[in-house]
């Protein structure tokens, strides 16, 4: 039989204030495998909008491509291995590769697509073609 113990967020802090090994935050051991990039996708009558949070990334290290109906976002952020103030106690900031692929629905005008990167947010706007936009049909009286 297992005894129940009360969980306290301050238990480890009393021993070492920066010890997060027992926290519930996921860690990544294999840095060669790209992390899945979280995105928000919205749409209205005339366009799809995709937003991805990539804080601290150099825009030149972000690739957005469309191939065979699939939008691919690849971002690479390399952290500096040297630091000036001693050894790291905790290192949780994102570095490495991030990847996301999304199938684009039919009726998107890829040639009119736009991308922007501001304040750490990558924004991709995919306009719908004229034939896909809703049209009001006149009613004959």
N, C-alpha and C. Protein backbone atom coordinates (compact mmCIF):
# COMPACT_ATOMS: atom_id res chain seq x y z
N UNK A 1 0.84 -1.17 0.00
CA UNK A 1 0.00 0.00 0.00
C UNK A 1 0.89 1.24 0.00
N UNK A 2 0.52 2.23 -0.75
CA UNK A 2 1.29 3.45 -0.88
C UNK A 2 0.70 4.53 0.02
N UNK A 3 1.56 5.20 0.73
CA UNK A 3 1.10 6.29 1.58
C UNK A 3 0.97 7.57 0.75
N UNK A 4 -0.07 8.32 0.99
CA UNK A 4 -0.27 9.59 0.31
C UNK A 4 0.48 10.68 1.05
N UNK A 5 1.16 11.52 0.30
CA UNK A 5 1.84 12.66 0.91
C UNK A 5 1.34 13.93 0.26
N UNK A 6 1.29 14.96 1.02
CA UNK A 6 0.82 16.25 0.51
C UNK A 6 1.92 16.88 -0.34
N UNK A 7 1.55 17.33 -1.55
CA UNK A 7 2.51 17.96 -2.46
C UNK A 7 2.69 19.41 -2.08
N UNK A 8 3.91 19.86 -2.04
CA UNK A 8 4.21 21.26 -1.74
C UNK A 8 5.14 21.81 -2.80
N UNK A 9 4.81 22.95 -3.40
CA UNK A 9 5.70 23.52 -4.42
C UNK A 9 6.98 24.08 -3.82
N UNK A 10 7.05 24.19 -2.49
CA UNK A 10 8.20 24.78 -1.84
C UNK A 10 9.18 23.75 -1.30
N UNK A 11 8.87 22.47 -1.44
CA UNK A 11 9.74 21.43 -0.91
C UNK A 11 11.13 21.50 -1.52
N UNK A 12 11.23 21.51 -2.82
CA UNK A 12 12.53 21.57 -3.49
C UNK A 12 13.18 22.95 -3.35
N UNK A 13 12.36 23.99 -3.26
CA UNK A 13 12.91 25.33 -3.15
C UNK A 13 13.71 25.49 -1.86
N UNK A 14 13.33 24.76 -0.83
CA UNK A 14 14.08 24.84 0.42
C UNK A 14 15.47 24.24 0.26
N UNK A 15 15.60 23.23 -0.61
CA UNK A 15 16.89 22.59 -0.83
C UNK A 15 17.73 23.39 -1.81
N UNK A 16 17.15 23.70 -2.97
CA UNK A 16 17.87 24.43 -4.01
C UNK A 16 16.85 25.19 -4.84
N UNK A 17 16.86 26.49 -4.83
CA UNK A 17 15.77 27.25 -5.43
C UNK A 17 15.62 27.12 -6.94
N UNK A 18 16.64 26.63 -7.65
CA UNK A 18 16.55 26.53 -9.10
C UNK A 18 16.54 25.10 -9.58
N UNK A 19 16.14 24.18 -8.77
CA UNK A 19 16.14 22.77 -9.15
C UNK A 19 14.77 22.43 -9.75
N UNK A 20 14.70 22.37 -11.09
CA UNK A 20 13.45 22.08 -11.77
C UNK A 20 13.40 20.67 -12.33
N UNK A 21 14.30 19.82 -11.92
CA UNK A 21 14.30 18.46 -12.46
C UNK A 21 13.03 17.71 -12.12
N UNK A 22 12.41 18.02 -11.02
CA UNK A 22 11.19 17.34 -10.63
C UNK A 22 9.93 18.06 -11.05
N UNK A 23 10.05 19.14 -11.79
CA UNK A 23 8.88 19.89 -12.19
C UNK A 23 8.14 19.15 -13.31
N UNK A 24 6.94 19.60 -13.59
CA UNK A 24 6.14 18.95 -14.61
C UNK A 24 6.44 19.48 -16.00
N UNK A 25 7.34 20.44 -16.12
CA UNK A 25 7.68 20.99 -17.43
C UNK A 25 8.40 19.94 -18.26
N UNK A 26 7.99 19.75 -19.53
CA UNK A 26 8.66 18.74 -20.35
C UNK A 26 10.08 19.17 -20.70
N UNK A 27 10.94 18.21 -20.81
CA UNK A 27 12.30 18.50 -21.23
C UNK A 27 12.61 17.73 -22.49
N UNK A 28 13.57 18.19 -23.22
CA UNK A 28 13.93 17.56 -24.48
C UNK A 28 15.37 17.10 -24.36
N UNK A 29 15.57 15.81 -24.46
CA UNK A 29 16.91 15.27 -24.33
C UNK A 29 17.64 15.22 -25.66
N UNK A 30 16.93 14.91 -26.74
CA UNK A 30 17.55 14.80 -28.05
C UNK A 30 17.36 16.12 -28.79
N UNK A 31 18.42 16.91 -28.90
CA UNK A 31 18.33 18.23 -29.52
C UNK A 31 18.31 18.16 -31.04
N UNK A 32 18.54 16.99 -31.63
CA UNK A 32 18.54 16.87 -33.09
C UNK A 32 17.13 16.73 -33.66
N UNK A 33 16.16 16.38 -32.82
CA UNK A 33 14.79 16.20 -33.28
C UNK A 33 14.06 17.53 -33.18
N UNK A 34 13.48 18.04 -34.28
CA UNK A 34 12.79 19.32 -34.20
C UNK A 34 11.55 19.25 -33.33
N UNK A 35 11.30 20.31 -32.59
CA UNK A 35 10.09 20.40 -31.79
C UNK A 35 8.91 20.80 -32.67
N UNK A 36 7.74 20.34 -32.30
CA UNK A 36 6.54 20.72 -33.04
C UNK A 36 6.18 22.16 -32.68
N UNK A 37 6.01 22.97 -33.69
CA UNK A 37 5.71 24.38 -33.52
C UNK A 37 4.20 24.56 -33.37
N UNK A 38 3.78 25.18 -32.29
CA UNK A 38 2.36 25.45 -32.08
C UNK A 38 1.91 26.62 -32.93
N UNK A 39 0.73 26.52 -33.51
CA UNK A 39 0.20 27.57 -34.37
C UNK A 39 -1.26 27.84 -34.03
N UNK A 40 -1.71 29.04 -34.38
CA UNK A 40 -3.12 29.40 -34.35
C UNK A 40 -3.55 29.60 -35.79
N UNK A 41 -4.68 29.01 -36.17
CA UNK A 41 -5.20 29.15 -37.53
C UNK A 41 -6.62 29.71 -37.43
N UNK A 42 -6.85 30.82 -38.12
CA UNK A 42 -8.17 31.43 -38.14
C UNK A 42 -8.56 31.68 -39.59
N UNK A 43 -9.86 31.86 -39.82
CA UNK A 43 -10.30 32.19 -41.18
C UNK A 43 -11.52 33.08 -41.12
N UNK A 44 -11.70 33.82 -42.19
CA UNK A 44 -12.91 34.60 -42.40
C UNK A 44 -13.32 34.42 -43.85
N UNK A 45 -14.17 35.31 -44.36
CA UNK A 45 -14.68 35.12 -45.72
C UNK A 45 -13.60 35.18 -46.79
N UNK A 46 -12.54 35.96 -46.55
CA UNK A 46 -11.58 36.16 -47.64
C UNK A 46 -10.17 35.64 -47.40
N UNK A 47 -9.85 35.12 -46.19
CA UNK A 47 -8.48 34.66 -45.98
C UNK A 47 -8.36 33.72 -44.78
N UNK A 48 -7.25 32.96 -44.79
CA UNK A 48 -6.82 32.18 -43.65
C UNK A 48 -5.64 32.91 -43.03
N UNK A 49 -5.57 32.94 -41.71
CA UNK A 49 -4.45 33.57 -41.02
C UNK A 49 -3.83 32.55 -40.08
N UNK A 50 -2.53 32.38 -40.21
CA UNK A 50 -1.78 31.45 -39.37
C UNK A 50 -0.78 32.26 -38.57
N UNK A 51 -0.75 32.04 -37.25
CA UNK A 51 0.21 32.72 -36.39
C UNK A 51 0.98 31.70 -35.57
N UNK A 52 2.29 31.93 -35.45
CA UNK A 52 3.16 31.06 -34.66
C UNK A 52 4.05 31.93 -33.78
N UNK A 53 4.20 31.55 -32.53
CA UNK A 53 5.06 32.29 -31.61
C UNK A 53 6.49 31.80 -31.76
N UNK A 54 7.37 32.70 -32.14
CA UNK A 54 8.79 32.39 -32.30
C UNK A 54 9.62 33.52 -31.68
N UNK A 55 9.51 33.74 -30.37
CA UNK A 55 10.23 34.86 -29.77
C UNK A 55 11.74 34.66 -29.81
N UNK A 56 12.45 35.73 -30.12
CA UNK A 56 13.90 35.69 -30.13
C UNK A 56 14.52 35.10 -31.37
N UNK A 57 13.73 34.76 -32.37
CA UNK A 57 14.26 34.17 -33.59
C UNK A 57 14.67 35.26 -34.57
N UNK A 58 15.72 35.00 -35.29
CA UNK A 58 16.15 35.87 -36.38
C UNK A 58 15.25 35.55 -37.57
N UNK A 59 14.58 36.55 -38.17
CA UNK A 59 13.69 36.27 -39.30
C UNK A 59 14.38 35.54 -40.45
N UNK A 60 15.69 35.71 -40.59
CA UNK A 60 16.40 35.01 -41.65
C UNK A 60 16.60 33.53 -41.35
N UNK A 61 16.32 33.11 -40.12
CA UNK A 61 16.43 31.70 -39.75
C UNK A 61 15.07 31.00 -39.78
N UNK A 62 14.06 31.69 -40.31
CA UNK A 62 12.71 31.13 -40.42
C UNK A 62 12.42 30.91 -41.90
N UNK A 63 12.06 29.69 -42.26
CA UNK A 63 11.71 29.37 -43.65
C UNK A 63 10.24 28.99 -43.73
N UNK A 64 9.53 29.65 -44.63
CA UNK A 64 8.14 29.32 -44.91
C UNK A 64 8.07 28.93 -46.38
N UNK A 65 7.66 27.70 -46.65
CA UNK A 65 7.57 27.22 -48.03
C UNK A 65 6.23 26.54 -48.26
N UNK A 66 5.82 26.51 -49.51
CA UNK A 66 4.63 25.78 -49.92
C UNK A 66 5.05 24.84 -51.02
N UNK A 67 4.76 23.55 -50.81
CA UNK A 67 5.12 22.54 -51.80
C UNK A 67 4.02 21.49 -51.85
N UNK A 68 3.44 21.32 -53.02
CA UNK A 68 2.41 20.31 -53.25
C UNK A 68 1.24 20.41 -52.26
N UNK A 69 0.79 21.65 -52.02
CA UNK A 69 -0.35 21.87 -51.15
C UNK A 69 -0.06 21.80 -49.66
N UNK A 70 1.21 21.80 -49.27
CA UNK A 70 1.59 21.73 -47.87
C UNK A 70 2.42 22.96 -47.52
N UNK A 71 1.97 23.69 -46.50
CA UNK A 71 2.71 24.84 -45.99
C UNK A 71 3.67 24.32 -44.91
N UNK A 72 4.96 24.62 -45.06
CA UNK A 72 5.97 24.16 -44.09
C UNK A 72 6.63 25.36 -43.44
N UNK A 73 6.70 25.32 -42.12
CA UNK A 73 7.39 26.35 -41.35
C UNK A 73 8.55 25.66 -40.63
N UNK A 74 9.76 26.12 -40.90
CA UNK A 74 10.96 25.58 -40.26
C UNK A 74 11.71 26.76 -39.65
N UNK A 75 12.01 26.67 -38.37
CA UNK A 75 12.73 27.74 -37.69
C UNK A 75 13.90 27.13 -36.93
N UNK A 76 15.04 27.79 -37.02
CA UNK A 76 16.23 27.32 -36.33
C UNK A 76 16.76 28.46 -35.46
N UNK A 77 17.01 28.14 -34.21
CA UNK A 77 17.52 29.11 -33.26
C UNK A 77 18.64 28.44 -32.49
N UNK A 78 19.85 28.88 -32.70
CA UNK A 78 20.99 28.29 -32.00
C UNK A 78 21.37 29.16 -30.82
N UNK A 79 21.48 28.55 -29.66
CA UNK A 79 21.91 29.29 -28.49
C UNK A 79 23.42 29.30 -28.43
N UNK A 80 23.94 30.33 -27.83
CA UNK A 80 25.38 30.41 -27.69
C UNK A 80 25.82 29.47 -26.58
N UNK A 81 26.84 28.70 -26.84
CA UNK A 81 27.33 27.74 -25.85
C UNK A 81 28.19 28.39 -24.78
N UNK A 82 28.71 29.55 -25.06
CA UNK A 82 29.54 30.21 -24.06
C UNK A 82 28.72 31.25 -23.33
N UNK A 83 29.02 31.45 -22.07
CA UNK A 83 28.38 32.48 -21.29
C UNK A 83 29.39 33.03 -20.30
N UNK A 84 29.15 34.23 -19.84
CA UNK A 84 30.18 34.96 -19.12
C UNK A 84 30.09 34.89 -17.60
N UNK A 85 28.98 34.43 -17.07
CA UNK A 85 28.75 34.58 -15.64
C UNK A 85 28.82 33.27 -14.86
N UNK A 86 29.49 32.27 -15.34
CA UNK A 86 29.58 30.99 -14.63
C UNK A 86 28.85 29.90 -15.37
N UNK A 87 28.54 28.83 -14.69
CA UNK A 87 27.85 27.71 -15.32
C UNK A 87 26.34 27.86 -15.13
N UNK A 88 25.59 27.27 -16.04
CA UNK A 88 24.13 27.35 -15.98
C UNK A 88 23.60 26.46 -14.86
N UNK A 89 22.61 26.94 -14.14
CA UNK A 89 21.89 26.14 -13.17
C UNK A 89 20.63 25.59 -13.80
N UNK A 90 19.97 26.43 -14.60
CA UNK A 90 18.76 26.04 -15.32
C UNK A 90 18.89 26.61 -16.72
N UNK A 91 18.52 25.82 -17.71
CA UNK A 91 18.56 26.29 -19.09
C UNK A 91 17.32 25.79 -19.81
N UNK A 92 16.29 26.62 -19.85
CA UNK A 92 15.01 26.21 -20.42
C UNK A 92 14.60 27.02 -21.64
N UNK A 93 15.35 28.03 -22.01
CA UNK A 93 14.97 28.80 -23.18
C UNK A 93 15.11 27.95 -24.42
N UNK A 94 14.25 28.21 -25.39
CA UNK A 94 14.19 27.38 -26.58
C UNK A 94 15.38 27.61 -27.49
N UNK A 95 15.93 26.52 -27.93
CA UNK A 95 16.95 26.58 -28.97
C UNK A 95 16.88 25.28 -29.74
N UNK A 96 17.33 25.33 -30.97
CA UNK A 96 17.26 24.15 -31.81
C UNK A 96 16.35 24.38 -33.00
N UNK A 97 15.71 23.31 -33.47
CA UNK A 97 14.85 23.39 -34.66
C UNK A 97 13.39 23.22 -34.28
N UNK A 98 12.54 23.97 -34.97
CA UNK A 98 11.10 23.87 -34.79
C UNK A 98 10.49 23.67 -36.17
N UNK A 99 9.43 22.85 -36.24
CA UNK A 99 8.89 22.45 -37.53
C UNK A 99 7.38 22.31 -37.43
N UNK A 100 6.71 22.72 -38.49
CA UNK A 100 5.27 22.48 -38.59
C UNK A 100 4.88 22.42 -40.05
N UNK A 101 4.05 21.47 -40.39
CA UNK A 101 3.53 21.32 -41.76
C UNK A 101 2.00 21.32 -41.68
N UNK A 102 1.38 22.10 -42.53
CA UNK A 102 -0.08 22.20 -42.57
C UNK A 102 -0.55 22.03 -44.01
N UNK A 103 -1.55 21.18 -44.20
CA UNK A 103 -2.13 21.04 -45.53
C UNK A 103 -3.01 22.25 -45.80
N UNK A 104 -2.80 22.86 -46.95
CA UNK A 104 -3.55 24.05 -47.33
C UNK A 104 -4.83 23.61 -48.03
N UNK A 105 -5.97 24.15 -47.62
CA UNK A 105 -7.22 23.78 -48.30
C UNK A 105 -7.24 24.28 -49.73
N UNK A 106 -8.04 23.63 -50.55
CA UNK A 106 -8.18 24.07 -51.93
C UNK A 106 -8.84 25.43 -51.96
N UNK A 107 -8.53 26.19 -52.98
CA UNK A 107 -9.12 27.51 -53.13
C UNK A 107 -8.32 28.63 -52.50
N UNK A 108 -7.05 28.37 -52.15
CA UNK A 108 -6.19 29.41 -51.59
C UNK A 108 -5.30 29.94 -52.71
N UNK A 109 -5.18 31.25 -52.79
CA UNK A 109 -4.34 31.90 -53.79
C UNK A 109 -2.93 32.04 -53.22
N UNK A 110 -2.09 31.04 -53.46
CA UNK A 110 -0.73 31.01 -52.90
C UNK A 110 0.11 32.18 -53.40
N UNK A 111 -0.10 32.60 -54.63
CA UNK A 111 0.70 33.70 -55.18
C UNK A 111 0.44 35.03 -54.47
N UNK A 112 -0.69 35.17 -53.81
CA UNK A 112 -1.01 36.41 -53.09
C UNK A 112 -0.75 36.28 -51.59
N UNK A 113 -0.16 35.19 -51.15
CA UNK A 113 0.11 34.98 -49.73
C UNK A 113 1.17 35.96 -49.23
N UNK A 114 1.04 36.36 -47.97
CA UNK A 114 2.01 37.27 -47.35
C UNK A 114 2.47 36.72 -46.01
N UNK A 115 3.71 37.06 -45.64
CA UNK A 115 4.23 36.68 -44.33
C UNK A 115 4.82 37.92 -43.66
N UNK A 116 4.75 37.93 -42.34
CA UNK A 116 5.38 39.01 -41.58
C UNK A 116 5.85 38.44 -40.25
N UNK A 117 6.83 39.11 -39.66
CA UNK A 117 7.37 38.69 -38.37
C UNK A 117 7.57 39.94 -37.53
N UNK A 118 6.80 40.04 -36.46
CA UNK A 118 6.87 41.22 -35.61
C UNK A 118 6.64 40.82 -34.16
N UNK A 119 7.50 41.31 -33.28
CA UNK A 119 7.40 41.04 -31.85
C UNK A 119 7.33 39.55 -31.53
N UNK A 120 8.09 38.76 -32.28
CA UNK A 120 8.16 37.33 -32.01
C UNK A 120 7.01 36.51 -32.56
N UNK A 121 6.14 37.12 -33.35
CA UNK A 121 4.99 36.41 -33.93
C UNK A 121 5.16 36.34 -35.44
N UNK A 122 5.19 35.12 -35.96
CA UNK A 122 5.19 34.91 -37.41
C UNK A 122 3.73 34.86 -37.84
N UNK A 123 3.38 35.70 -38.81
CA UNK A 123 2.01 35.77 -39.30
C UNK A 123 2.01 35.47 -40.79
N UNK A 124 1.20 34.51 -41.19
CA UNK A 124 1.07 34.11 -42.58
C UNK A 124 -0.39 34.32 -42.98
N UNK A 125 -0.60 35.09 -44.04
CA UNK A 125 -1.96 35.32 -44.51
C UNK A 125 -2.11 34.68 -45.88
N UNK A 126 -3.10 33.80 -45.99
CA UNK A 126 -3.38 33.08 -47.22
C UNK A 126 -4.75 33.49 -47.74
N UNK A 127 -4.80 34.37 -48.74
CA UNK A 127 -6.10 34.79 -49.26
C UNK A 127 -6.80 33.67 -50.02
N UNK A 128 -8.10 33.65 -49.87
CA UNK A 128 -8.90 32.69 -50.62
C UNK A 128 -9.08 33.23 -52.03
N UNK A 129 -9.16 32.33 -53.01
CA UNK A 129 -9.39 32.78 -54.38
C UNK A 129 -10.82 33.31 -54.50
N UNK A 130 -11.03 34.09 -55.53
CA UNK A 130 -12.34 34.71 -55.73
C UNK A 130 -13.46 33.67 -55.80
N UNK A 131 -13.18 32.53 -56.38
CA UNK A 131 -14.23 31.51 -56.53
C UNK A 131 -14.62 30.89 -55.19
N UNK A 132 -13.75 30.98 -54.17
CA UNK A 132 -14.03 30.40 -52.86
C UNK A 132 -14.73 31.36 -51.91
N UNK A 133 -14.74 32.64 -52.22
CA UNK A 133 -15.35 33.61 -51.33
C UNK A 133 -16.86 33.59 -51.50
N UNK A 134 -17.58 33.77 -50.39
CA UNK A 134 -19.05 33.73 -50.49
C UNK A 134 -19.58 34.88 -51.34
N UNK A 135 -20.61 34.57 -52.08
CA UNK A 135 -21.23 35.57 -52.94
C UNK A 135 -22.72 35.63 -52.62
N UNK A 136 -23.22 36.82 -52.63
CA UNK A 136 -24.66 36.98 -52.41
C UNK A 136 -25.37 36.86 -53.74
N UNK A 137 -26.35 36.04 -53.76
CA UNK A 137 -27.12 35.84 -54.99
C UNK A 137 -28.38 36.71 -54.95
N UNK A 138 -28.64 37.42 -56.02
CA UNK A 138 -29.83 38.25 -56.05
C UNK A 138 -31.10 37.39 -56.12
N UNK A 139 -32.12 37.86 -55.48
CA UNK A 139 -33.41 37.15 -55.49
C UNK A 139 -34.33 37.85 -56.48
N UNK A 140 -34.81 37.07 -57.42
CA UNK A 140 -35.73 37.63 -58.42
C UNK A 140 -37.12 37.73 -57.83
N UNK A 141 -37.77 38.88 -58.05
CA UNK A 141 -39.11 39.06 -57.48
C UNK A 141 -40.16 38.91 -58.56
